[in-house]
């Protein structure tokens, strides 16, 4: 009888030990799962923050490169021969024609990558990039889009989690507020014209009242026009038409006040500063020197058909 009691006691003890071991194992699994989940959430949050930070940094890079391009135009008196090459050199090396530019400190491609690695190290992770590429384009009349794309690997140093994905960072840099390169080059920087979008689109002339059109011209406003060069075109001195083109009218009185020669031709900016000389018309209520052409139905665009002479 006592022997049976002893055997029962041993069995009960073994069962308790087994239960404790199983409980301990379950606890370890749950603890590890919780640790992994926490780590995954931390790294996921990091990737979201990384995207926001990169977009902000890419904007800074794009803005500074455009600023450098305009500074180069002012310094040399000539257009940027190839903006693609200019962009690549500035973003890759932080230089213009081999000369380091302080404004690009912290804004080059390697700076962006270093910034990612620095932030990753703070959460005990490593970032690896491959197939890195950069590009830009005029996506509408008022914005240049910059794109920074790469294959990303984010790896936790404790080997708890790992991400691999394609990442594309995009940002828009507005062209409003930048100087128009056409004016810089053609007036020897004596006449400044910043790009400001018109507030009169579609309402230039109401009945025969030209007040809005007059203000548009003398405020130096720009209007969208698929028959005019885009901002990026203007940086290169390319005066051909573009789907994202913009145009303004030249104030000949302003040129004359700077001692610049005046031509009797249309005051549409990219045509005035070109070798073209299409038929142009005066507009009732505008100064005698003001002229506008009717290429691509320009008179209709500004609703001037009833008041030209």
C-alpha atoms as a PDB file:
ATOM      1  CA  UNK A   1       0.000   0.000   0.000  1.00  0.00           C
ATOM      2  CA  UNK A   2       2.787   2.389   0.977  1.00  0.00           C
ATOM      3  CA  UNK A   3       4.599   1.454  -2.223  1.00  0.00           C
ATOM      4  CA  UNK A   4       1.571   2.477  -4.259  1.00  0.00           C
ATOM      5  CA  UNK A   5       1.357   5.737  -2.360  1.00  0.00           C
ATOM      6  CA  UNK A   6       5.001   6.395  -3.134  1.00  0.00           C
ATOM      7  CA  UNK A   7       4.507   5.695  -6.795  1.00  0.00           C
ATOM      8  CA  UNK A   8       1.512   8.023  -6.849  1.00  0.00           C
ATOM      9  CA  UNK A   9       3.537  10.741  -5.145  1.00  0.00           C
ATOM     10  CA  UNK A  10       6.342  10.362  -7.699  1.00  0.00           C
ATOM     11  CA  UNK A  11       3.858  10.549 -10.569  1.00  0.00           C
ATOM     12  CA  UNK A  12       2.281  13.664  -9.104  1.00  0.00           C
ATOM     13  CA  UNK A  13       5.691  15.246  -8.630  1.00  0.00           C
ATOM     14  CA  UNK A  14       6.667  14.437 -12.175  1.00  0.00           C
ATOM     15  CA  UNK A  15       3.407  15.914 -13.447  1.00  0.00           C
ATOM     16  CA  UNK A  16       3.994  19.119 -11.483  1.00  0.00           C
ATOM     17  CA  UNK A  17       7.564  19.389 -12.807  1.00  0.00           C
ATOM     18  CA  UNK A  18       6.325  18.779 -16.379  1.00  0.00           C
ATOM     19  CA  UNK A  19       3.614  21.403 -15.930  1.00  0.00           C
ATOM     20  CA  UNK A  20       6.142  23.892 -14.592  1.00  0.00           C
ATOM     21  CA  UNK A  21       8.489  23.202 -17.506  1.00  0.00           C
ATOM     22  CA  UNK A  22       5.683  23.604 -20.019  1.00  0.00           C
ATOM     23  CA  UNK A  23       4.585  26.830 -18.334  1.00  0.00           C
ATOM     24  CA  UNK A  24       8.144  28.134 -18.408  1.00  0.00           C
ATOM     25  CA  UNK A  25       8.480  27.266 -22.089  1.00  0.00           C
ATOM     26  CA  UNK A  26       5.172  28.960 -22.888  1.00  0.00           C
ATOM     27  CA  UNK A  27       6.294  32.011 -20.923  1.00  0.00           C
ATOM     28  CA  UNK A  28       9.578  32.130 -22.870  1.00  0.00           C
ATOM     29  CA  UNK A  29       7.741  31.837 -26.184  1.00  0.00           C
ATOM     30  CA  UNK A  30       5.287  34.570 -25.211  1.00  0.00           C
ATOM     31  CA  UNK A  31       8.073  36.805 -23.927  1.00  0.00           C
ATOM     32  CA  UNK A  32      10.084  36.309 -27.105  1.00  0.00           C
ATOM     33  CA  UNK A  33       7.008  36.914 -29.256  1.00  0.00           C
ATOM     34  CA  UNK A  34       6.286  40.129 -27.340  1.00  0.00           C
ATOM     35  CA  UNK A  35       9.902  41.218 -27.785  1.00  0.00           C
ATOM     36  CA  UNK A  36       9.758  40.525 -31.521  1.00  0.00           C
ATOM     37  CA  UNK A  37       6.437  42.336 -31.867  1.00  0.00           C
ATOM     38  CA  UNK A  38       7.803  45.347 -30.031  1.00  0.00           C
ATOM     39  CA  UNK A  39      10.920  45.315 -32.174  1.00  0.00           C
ATOM     40  CA  UNK A  40       8.915  44.992 -35.375  1.00  0.00           C
ATOM     41  CA  UNK A  41       6.738  47.945 -34.352  1.00  0.00           C
ATOM     42  CA  UNK A  42       9.819  50.026 -33.540  1.00  0.00           C
ATOM     43  CA  UNK A  43      11.391  49.337 -36.919  1.00  0.00           C
ATOM     44  CA  UNK A  44       8.110  49.885 -38.741  1.00  0.00           C
ATOM     45  CA  UNK A  45       7.774  53.283 -37.052  1.00  0.00           C
ATOM     46  CA  UNK A  46      11.363  54.000 -38.011  1.00  0.00           C
ATOM     47  CA  UNK A  47      10.627  53.330 -41.694  1.00  0.00           C
ATOM     48  CA  UNK A  48       7.643  55.679 -41.627  1.00  0.00           C
ATOM     49  CA  UNK A  49       9.686  58.420 -39.986  1.00  0.00           C
ATOM     50  CA  UNK A  50      12.532  57.739 -42.406  1.00  0.00           C
ATOM     51  CA  UNK A  51      10.278  58.395 -45.382  1.00  0.00           C
ATOM     52  CA  UNK A  52       9.112  61.721 -43.922  1.00  0.00           C
ATOM     53  CA  UNK A  53      12.666  62.799 -43.084  1.00  0.00           C
ATOM     54  CA  UNK A  54      14.001  61.821 -46.502  1.00  0.00           C
ATOM     55  CA  UNK A  55      11.260  63.757 -48.266  1.00  0.00           C
ATOM     56  CA  UNK A  56      12.184  66.849 -46.249  1.00  0.00           C
ATOM     57  CA  UNK A  57      15.907  66.385 -46.921  1.00  0.00           C
ATOM     58  CA  UNK A  58      15.325  65.746 -50.630  1.00  0.00           C
ATOM     59  CA  UNK A  59      13.329  68.985 -50.833  1.00  0.00           C
ATOM     60  CA  UNK A  60      16.282  70.836 -49.317  1.00  0.00           C
ATOM     61  CA  UNK A  61      18.650  69.246 -51.842  1.00  0.00           C
ATOM     62  CA  UNK A  62      16.430  70.079 -54.822  1.00  0.00           C
ATOM     63  CA  UNK A  63      15.850  73.660 -53.685  1.00  0.00           C
ATOM     64  CA  UNK A  64      19.563  74.274 -53.152  1.00  0.00           C
ATOM     65  CA  UNK A  65      20.501  72.812 -56.535  1.00  0.00           C
ATOM     66  CA  UNK A  66      18.061  75.139 -58.300  1.00  0.00           C
ATOM     67  CA  UNK A  67      19.460  78.032 -56.252  1.00  0.00           C
ATOM     68  CA  UNK A  68      22.989  77.062 -57.339  1.00  0.00           C
ATOM     69  CA  UNK A  69      21.889  76.895 -60.979  1.00  0.00           C
ATOM     70  CA  UNK A  70      20.507  80.403 -60.807  1.00  0.00           C
ATOM     71  CA  UNK A  71      23.620  81.631 -59.008  1.00  0.00           C
ATOM     72  CA  UNK A  72      25.741  80.119 -61.779  1.00  0.00           C
ATOM     73  CA  UNK A  73      23.657  81.911 -64.416  1.00  0.00           C
ATOM     74  CA  UNK A  74      24.121  85.238 -62.611  1.00  0.00           C
ATOM     75  CA  UNK A  75      27.876  84.632 -62.213  1.00  0.00           C
ATOM     76  CA  UNK A  76      28.543  83.587 -65.804  1.00  0.00           C
ATOM     77  CA  UNK A  77      25.861  85.532 -67.645  1.00  0.00           C
ATOM     78  CA  UNK A  78      24.961  82.354 -69.532  1.00  0.00           C
ATOM     79  CA  UNK A  79      22.463  79.544 -69.238  1.00  0.00           C
ATOM     80  CA  UNK A  80      23.079  76.118 -67.694  1.00  0.00           C
ATOM     81  CA  UNK A  81      24.255  74.122 -70.698  1.00  0.00           C
ATOM     82  CA  UNK A  82      22.958  70.819 -69.388  1.00  0.00           C
ATOM     83  CA  UNK A  83      20.887  70.871 -66.210  1.00  0.00           C
ATOM     84  CA  UNK A  84      20.983  67.085 -65.937  1.00  0.00           C
ATOM     85  CA  UNK A  85      24.771  67.124 -65.640  1.00  0.00           C
ATOM     86  CA  UNK A  86      24.600  70.127 -63.325  1.00  0.00           C
ATOM     87  CA  UNK A  87      22.095  68.353 -61.073  1.00  0.00           C
ATOM     88  CA  UNK A  88      24.066  65.104 -60.960  1.00  0.00           C
ATOM     89  CA  UNK A  89      27.337  66.825 -60.080  1.00  0.00           C
ATOM     90  CA  UNK A  90      25.793  68.955 -57.363  1.00  0.00           C
ATOM     91  CA  UNK A  91      23.819  66.095 -55.794  1.00  0.00           C
ATOM     92  CA  UNK A  92      26.587  63.504 -56.080  1.00  0.00           C
ATOM     93  CA  UNK A  93      29.592  65.648 -55.180  1.00  0.00           C
ATOM     94  CA  UNK A  94      28.311  68.914 -53.775  1.00  0.00           C
ATOM     95  CA  UNK A  95      30.250  70.773 -56.471  1.00  0.00           C
ATOM     96  CA  UNK A  96      29.657  73.004 -59.495  1.00  0.00           C
ATOM     97  CA  UNK A  97      32.264  72.685 -62.228  1.00  0.00           C
ATOM     98  CA  UNK A  98      34.454  70.865 -59.717  1.00  0.00           C
ATOM     99  CA  UNK A  99      34.252  73.634 -57.130  1.00  0.00           C
ATOM    100  CA  UNK A 100      32.821  72.658 -53.720  1.00  0.00           C
ATOM    101  CA  UNK A 101      29.722  74.570 -52.686  1.00  0.00           C
ATOM    102  CA  UNK A 102      29.120  75.083 -48.965  1.00  0.00           C
ATOM    103  CA  UNK A 103      25.378  75.292 -49.534  1.00  0.00           C
ATOM    104  CA  UNK A 104      25.391  71.587 -50.457  1.00  0.00           C
ATOM    105  CA  UNK A 105      26.864  70.509 -47.123  1.00  0.00           C
ATOM    106  CA  UNK A 106      24.304  68.104 -45.665  1.00  0.00           C
ATOM    107  CA  UNK A 107      22.344  67.981 -48.931  1.00  0.00           C
ATOM    108  CA  UNK A 108      24.270  65.553 -51.168  1.00  0.00           C
ATOM    109  CA  UNK A 109      23.253  61.972 -51.887  1.00  0.00           C
ATOM    110  CA  UNK A 110      25.862  60.599 -49.493  1.00  0.00           C
ATOM    111  CA  UNK A 111      24.617  63.010 -46.809  1.00  0.00           C
ATOM    112  CA  UNK A 112      21.111  61.623 -47.180  1.00  0.00           C
ATOM    113  CA  UNK A 113      22.410  58.057 -46.874  1.00  0.00           C
ATOM    114  CA  UNK A 114      24.592  58.957 -43.879  1.00  0.00           C
ATOM    115  CA  UNK A 115      21.570  60.547 -42.229  1.00  0.00           C
ATOM    116  CA  UNK A 116      19.636  57.295 -42.663  1.00  0.00           C
ATOM    117  CA  UNK A 117      22.429  55.236 -41.133  1.00  0.00           C
ATOM    118  CA  UNK A 118      22.790  57.616 -38.213  1.00  0.00           C
ATOM    119  CA  UNK A 119      19.094  57.384 -37.414  1.00  0.00           C
ATOM    120  CA  UNK A 120      19.133  53.585 -37.809  1.00  0.00           C
ATOM    121  CA  UNK A 121      22.017  53.244 -35.361  1.00  0.00           C
ATOM    122  CA  UNK A 122      19.896  54.904 -32.689  1.00  0.00           C
ATOM    123  CA  UNK A 123      17.472  51.970 -32.776  1.00  0.00           C
ATOM    124  CA  UNK A 124      20.268  49.399 -33.041  1.00  0.00           C
ATOM    125  CA  UNK A 125      19.677  48.619 -36.717  1.00  0.00           C
ATOM    126  CA  UNK A 126      21.539  48.856 -40.011  1.00  0.00           C
ATOM    127  CA  UNK A 127      20.396  50.253 -43.352  1.00  0.00           C
ATOM    128  CA  UNK A 128      21.704  48.961 -46.670  1.00  0.00           C
ATOM    129  CA  UNK A 129      20.862  50.599 -50.015  1.00  0.00           C
ATOM    130  CA  UNK A 130      21.293  49.287 -53.541  1.00  0.00           C
ATOM    131  CA  UNK A 131      20.262  50.379 -57.040  1.00  0.00           C
ATOM    132  CA  UNK A 132      20.146  54.001 -55.928  1.00  0.00           C
ATOM    133  CA  UNK A 133      18.892  56.443 -58.568  1.00  0.00           C
ATOM    134  CA  UNK A 134      17.843  60.088 -58.669  1.00  0.00           C
ATOM    135  CA  UNK A 135      15.828  62.056 -61.193  1.00  0.00           C
ATOM    136  CA  UNK A 136      13.874  65.265 -61.666  1.00  0.00           C
ATOM    137  CA  UNK A 137      11.129  66.537 -63.961  1.00  0.00           C
ATOM    138  CA  UNK A 138       8.841  69.493 -64.514  1.00  0.00           C
ATOM    139  CA  UNK A 139       5.550  67.906 -63.463  1.00  0.00           C
ATOM    140  CA  UNK A 140       3.422  71.031 -63.858  1.00  0.00           C
ATOM    141  CA  UNK A 141       4.078  74.699 -64.664  1.00  0.00           C
ATOM    142  CA  UNK A 142       4.792  75.593 -61.047  1.00  0.00           C
ATOM    143  CA  UNK A 143       6.655  72.594 -59.625  1.00  0.00           C
ATOM    144  CA  UNK A 144       9.787  70.554 -60.249  1.00  0.00           C
ATOM    145  CA  UNK A 145       9.619  67.020 -58.881  1.00  0.00           C
ATOM    146  CA  UNK A 146      12.723  65.342 -57.475  1.00  0.00           C
ATOM    147  CA  UNK A 147      12.807  61.555 -57.024  1.00  0.00           C
ATOM    148  CA  UNK A 148      15.214  59.496 -54.895  1.00  0.00           C
ATOM    149  CA  UNK A 149      14.677  55.737 -55.265  1.00  0.00           C
ATOM    150  CA  UNK A 150      16.497  52.655 -53.994  1.00  0.00           C
ATOM    151  CA  UNK A 151      16.184  49.089 -52.772  1.00  0.00           C
ATOM    152  CA  UNK A 152      16.306  49.163 -48.993  1.00  0.00           C
ATOM    153  CA  UNK A 153      17.313  46.522 -46.474  1.00  0.00           C
ATOM    154  CA  UNK A 154      16.706  47.317 -42.816  1.00  0.00           C
ATOM    155  CA  UNK A 155      18.199  44.787 -40.451  1.00  0.00           C
ATOM    156  CA  UNK A 156      17.933  44.557 -36.694  1.00  0.00           C
ATOM    157  CA  UNK A 157      21.330  43.961 -35.057  1.00  0.00           C
ATOM    158  CA  UNK A 158      19.761  41.291 -32.824  1.00  0.00           C
ATOM    159  CA  UNK A 159      18.448  39.430 -35.882  1.00  0.00           C
ATOM    160  CA  UNK A 160      14.874  39.759 -34.648  1.00  0.00           C
ATOM    161  CA  UNK A 161      13.511  41.483 -37.738  1.00  0.00           C
ATOM    162  CA  UNK A 162      14.468  42.410 -41.285  1.00  0.00           C
ATOM    163  CA  UNK A 163      12.813  44.456 -44.050  1.00  0.00           C
ATOM    164  CA  UNK A 164      13.551  44.460 -47.753  1.00  0.00           C
ATOM    165  CA  UNK A 165      11.644  46.698 -50.118  1.00  0.00           C
ATOM    166  CA  UNK A 166      11.805  49.219 -52.932  1.00  0.00           C
ATOM    167  CA  UNK A 167      11.539  52.778 -51.697  1.00  0.00           C
ATOM    168  CA  UNK A 168      10.751  55.860 -53.791  1.00  0.00           C
ATOM    169  CA  UNK A 169      10.940  59.271 -52.191  1.00  0.00           C
ATOM    170  CA  UNK A 170       9.410  62.195 -54.076  1.00  0.00           C
ATOM    171  CA  UNK A 171       9.164  65.892 -53.322  1.00  0.00           C
ATOM    172  CA  UNK A 172       7.968  68.999 -55.152  1.00  0.00           C
ATOM    173  CA  UNK A 173      10.003  72.191 -55.258  1.00  0.00           C
ATOM    174  CA  UNK A 174       7.934  75.175 -56.335  1.00  0.00           C
ATOM    175  CA  UNK A 175       9.451  77.476 -58.947  1.00  0.00           C
ATOM    176  CA  UNK A 176       7.579  80.536 -57.693  1.00  0.00           C
ATOM    177  CA  UNK A 177       9.975  83.000 -56.112  1.00  0.00           C
ATOM    178  CA  UNK A 178      12.937  81.946 -58.230  1.00  0.00           C
ATOM    179  CA  UNK A 179      14.396  84.375 -60.763  1.00  0.00           C
ATOM    180  CA  UNK A 180      13.528  83.895 -64.432  1.00  0.00           C
ATOM    181  CA  UNK A 181      16.832  82.964 -66.150  1.00  0.00           C
ATOM    182  CA  UNK A 182      15.686  84.552 -69.422  1.00  0.00           C
ATOM    183  CA  UNK A 183      15.701  88.001 -67.834  1.00  0.00           C
ATOM    184  CA  UNK A 184      19.011  87.436 -66.050  1.00  0.00           C
ATOM    185  CA  UNK A 185      20.808  86.504 -69.253  1.00  0.00           C
ATOM    186  CA  UNK A 186      19.169  88.975 -71.622  1.00  0.00           C
ATOM    187  CA  UNK A 187      19.390  92.043 -69.376  1.00  0.00           C
ATOM    188  CA  UNK A 188      22.829  91.292 -67.886  1.00  0.00           C
ATOM    189  CA  UNK A 189      20.997  90.848 -64.569  1.00  0.00           C
ATOM    190  CA  UNK A 190      19.995  94.535 -64.642  1.00  0.00           C
ATOM    191  CA  UNK A 191      16.299  93.650 -64.655  1.00  0.00           C
ATOM    192  CA  UNK A 192      15.094  91.095 -62.139  1.00  0.00           C
ATOM    193  CA  UNK A 193      11.921  89.120 -62.681  1.00  0.00           C
ATOM    194  CA  UNK A 194      10.807  86.625 -60.066  1.00  0.00           C
ATOM    195  CA  UNK A 195       8.297  84.009 -61.091  1.00  0.00           C
ATOM    196  CA  UNK A 196       4.928  84.744 -59.542  1.00  0.00           C
ATOM    197  CA  UNK A 197       1.735  83.065 -60.688  1.00  0.00           C
ATOM    198  CA  UNK A 198      -0.963  85.357 -62.013  1.00  0.00           C
ATOM    199  CA  UNK A 199      -4.104  85.932 -59.986  1.00  0.00           C
ATOM    200  CA  UNK A 200      -6.073  86.846 -63.108  1.00  0.00           C
ATOM    201  CA  UNK A 201      -6.191  83.581 -65.050  1.00  0.00           C
ATOM    202  CA  UNK A 202      -9.417  83.543 -67.058  1.00  0.00           C
ATOM    203  CA  UNK A 203     -10.274  87.123 -66.061  1.00  0.00           C
ATOM    204  CA  UNK A 204      -7.721  89.267 -67.840  1.00  0.00           C
ATOM    205  CA  UNK A 205     -10.270  91.462 -69.641  1.00  0.00           C
ATOM    206  CA  UNK A 206     -13.880  91.826 -68.530  1.00  0.00           C
ATOM    207  CA  UNK A 207     -15.998  93.311 -71.319  1.00  0.00           C
ATOM    208  CA  UNK A 208     -13.556  96.025 -72.407  1.00  0.00           C
ATOM    209  CA  UNK A 209     -12.071  96.685 -68.980  1.00  0.00           C
ATOM    210  CA  UNK A 210      -8.356  95.862 -69.120  1.00  0.00           C
ATOM    211  CA  UNK A 211      -7.583  96.671 -65.482  1.00  0.00           C
ATOM    212  CA  UNK A 212      -6.750  93.067 -64.638  1.00  0.00           C
ATOM    213  CA  UNK A 213      -4.616  92.614 -67.746  1.00  0.00           C
ATOM    214  CA  UNK A 214      -2.793  95.863 -67.044  1.00  0.00           C
ATOM    215  CA  UNK A 215      -2.067  94.665 -63.491  1.00  0.00           C
ATOM    216  CA  UNK A 216      -0.995  91.256 -64.806  1.00  0.00           C
ATOM    217  CA  UNK A 217       1.580  92.847 -67.118  1.00  0.00           C
ATOM    218  CA  UNK A 218       2.973  95.448 -64.725  1.00  0.00           C
ATOM    219  CA  UNK A 219       3.025  93.111 -61.722  1.00  0.00           C
ATOM    220  CA  UNK A 220       5.267  90.820 -63.739  1.00  0.00           C
ATOM    221  CA  UNK A 221       2.909  87.897 -63.309  1.00  0.00           C
ATOM    222  CA  UNK A 222       3.301  84.590 -65.143  1.00  0.00           C
ATOM    223  CA  UNK A 223       0.568  82.574 -66.787  1.00  0.00           C
ATOM    224  CA  UNK A 224       0.461  78.910 -67.747  1.00  0.00           C
ATOM    225  CA  UNK A 225       0.975  78.293 -71.456  1.00  0.00           C
ATOM    226  CA  UNK A 226       1.622  75.052 -73.333  1.00  0.00           C
ATOM    227  CA  UNK A 227       3.162  77.194 -76.069  1.00  0.00           C
ATOM    228  CA  UNK A 228       5.923  78.616 -73.879  1.00  0.00           C
ATOM    229  CA  UNK A 229       9.082  77.251 -72.216  1.00  0.00           C
ATOM    230  CA  UNK A 230       8.936  75.654 -68.774  1.00  0.00           C
ATOM    231  CA  UNK A 231      11.100  76.812 -65.880  1.00  0.00           C
ATOM    232  CA  UNK A 232      13.577  73.980 -66.506  1.00  0.00           C
ATOM    233  CA  UNK A 233      13.672  74.958 -70.200  1.00  0.00           C
ATOM    234  CA  UNK A 234      14.464  78.502 -69.173  1.00  0.00           C
ATOM    235  CA  UNK A 235      17.404  77.385 -67.033  1.00  0.00           C
ATOM    236  CA  UNK A 236      18.971  75.926 -70.174  1.00  0.00           C
ATOM    237  CA  UNK A 237      17.958  78.796 -72.446  1.00  0.00           C
ATOM    238  CA  UNK A 238      15.628  76.479 -74.329  1.00  0.00           C
ATOM    239  CA  UNK A 239      12.808  78.739 -75.532  1.00  0.00           C
ATOM    240  CA  UNK A 240      10.746  76.037 -77.233  1.00  0.00           C
ATOM    241  CA  UNK A 241       7.193  75.294 -76.141  1.00  0.00           C
ATOM    242  CA  UNK A 242       6.475  72.843 -73.369  1.00  0.00           C
ATOM    243  CA  UNK A 243       3.316  71.299 -71.904  1.00  0.00           C
ATOM    244  CA  UNK A 244       4.319  72.825 -68.556  1.00  0.00           C
ATOM    245  CA  UNK A 245       5.287  76.199 -69.969  1.00  0.00           C
ATOM    246  CA  UNK A 246       4.870  79.650 -68.426  1.00  0.00           C
ATOM    247  CA  UNK A 247       5.075  83.141 -69.890  1.00  0.00           C
ATOM    248  CA  UNK A 248       5.088  86.798 -68.887  1.00  0.00           C
ATOM    249  CA  UNK A 249       5.234  90.121 -70.714  1.00  0.00           C
ATOM    250  CA  UNK A 250       8.377  92.243 -70.857  1.00  0.00           C
ATOM    251  CA  UNK A 251       8.107  95.753 -69.437  1.00  0.00           C
ATOM    252  CA  UNK A 252      10.058  97.726 -72.055  1.00  0.00           C
ATOM    253  CA  UNK A 253       9.987 100.863 -69.915  1.00  0.00           C
ATOM    254  CA  UNK A 254      11.872  98.940 -67.242  1.00  0.00           C
ATOM    255  CA  UNK A 255      14.502  97.857 -69.767  1.00  0.00           C
ATOM    256  CA  UNK A 256      14.797 101.412 -71.083  1.00  0.00           C
ATOM    257  CA  UNK A 257      15.317 102.781 -67.557  1.00  0.00           C
ATOM    258  CA  UNK A 258      18.373 100.511 -67.269  1.00  0.00           C
ATOM    259  CA  UNK A 259      19.808 101.774 -70.557  1.00  0.00           C
ATOM    260  CA  UNK A 260      19.048  98.539 -72.350  1.00  0.00           C
ATOM    261  CA  UNK A 261      18.163  98.600 -76.062  1.00  0.00           C
ATOM    262  CA  UNK A 262      14.468  98.330 -76.929  1.00  0.00           C
ATOM    263  CA  UNK A 263      13.066  96.322 -79.834  1.00  0.00           C
ATOM    264  CA  UNK A 264       9.789  97.015 -81.616  1.00  0.00           C
ATOM    265  CA  UNK A 265       8.270  93.563 -81.335  1.00  0.00           C
ATOM    266  CA  UNK A 266       5.891  91.481 -79.261  1.00  0.00           C
ATOM    267  CA  UNK A 267       6.533  91.722 -75.533  1.00  0.00           C
ATOM    268  CA  UNK A 268       5.753  88.046 -74.884  1.00  0.00           C
ATOM    269  CA  UNK A 269       8.930  87.262 -72.935  1.00  0.00           C
ATOM    270  CA  UNK A 270      10.374  84.190 -74.644  1.00  0.00           C
ATOM    271  CA  UNK A 271       9.595  85.604 -78.095  1.00  0.00           C
ATOM    272  CA  UNK A 272      10.896  89.079 -77.321  1.00  0.00           C
ATOM    273  CA  UNK A 273      14.226  87.626 -76.164  1.00  0.00           C
ATOM    274  CA  UNK A 274      14.484  85.368 -79.222  1.00  0.00           C
ATOM    275  CA  UNK A 275      15.193  85.836 -82.908  1.00  0.00           C
ATOM    276  CA  UNK A 276      11.513  85.509 -83.770  1.00  0.00           C
ATOM    277  CA  UNK A 277       9.553  88.595 -84.808  1.00  0.00           C
ATOM    278  CA  UNK A 278       5.938  87.676 -85.495  1.00  0.00           C
ATOM    279  CA  UNK A 279       3.272  90.269 -86.244  1.00  0.00           C
ATOM    280  CA  UNK A 280       2.298  92.061 -83.069  1.00  0.00           C
ATOM    281  CA  UNK A 281      -0.585  94.310 -82.078  1.00  0.00           C
ATOM    282  CA  UNK A 282      -1.169  97.248 -79.785  1.00  0.00           C
ATOM    283  CA  UNK A 283      -3.803  97.034 -77.087  1.00  0.00           C
ATOM    284  CA  UNK A 284      -6.186  99.856 -76.233  1.00  0.00           C
ATOM    285  CA  UNK A 285      -5.375 101.216 -72.787  1.00  0.00           C
ATOM    286  CA  UNK A 286      -1.825  99.848 -72.764  1.00  0.00           C
ATOM    287  CA  UNK A 287       1.355 101.928 -73.341  1.00  0.00           C
ATOM    288  CA  UNK A 288       2.342 102.574 -76.971  1.00  0.00           C
ATOM    289  CA  UNK A 289       5.393 100.335 -76.670  1.00  0.00           C
ATOM    290  CA  UNK A 290       3.318  97.318 -75.580  1.00  0.00           C
ATOM    291  CA  UNK A 291       2.723  94.712 -78.240  1.00  0.00           C
ATOM    292  CA  UNK A 292       1.340  91.202 -78.223  1.00  0.00           C
ATOM    293  CA  UNK A 293       1.453  88.529 -80.906  1.00  0.00           C
ATOM    294  CA  UNK A 294      -1.288  86.099 -81.833  1.00  0.00           C
ATOM    295  CA  UNK A 295       0.837  82.974 -82.105  1.00  0.00           C
ATOM    296  CA  UNK A 296      -1.117  79.966 -80.841  1.00  0.00           C
ATOM    297  CA  UNK A 297      -4.215  82.186 -80.306  1.00  0.00           C
ATOM    298  CA  UNK A 298      -2.527  84.278 -77.638  1.00  0.00           C
ATOM    299  CA  UNK A 299      -5.006  87.142 -78.152  1.00  0.00           C
ATOM    300  CA  UNK A 300      -7.851  84.780 -77.329  1.00  0.00           C
ATOM    301  CA  UNK A 301      -6.098  83.480 -74.216  1.00  0.00           C
ATOM    302  CA  UNK A 302      -5.898  86.980 -72.753  1.00  0.00           C
ATOM    303  CA  UNK A 303      -9.291  88.012 -74.214  1.00  0.00           C
ATOM    304  CA  UNK A 304      -7.708  90.857 -76.199  1.00  0.00           C
ATOM    305  CA  UNK A 305      -9.413  90.261 -79.548  1.00  0.00           C
ATOM    306  CA  UNK A 306     -11.857  93.185 -79.143  1.00  0.00           C
ATOM    307  CA  UNK A 307      -9.352  95.834 -78.048  1.00  0.00           C
ATOM    308  CA  UNK A 308      -6.335  95.372 -80.287  1.00  0.00           C
ATOM    309  CA  UNK A 309      -5.321  97.845 -82.970  1.00  0.00           C
END
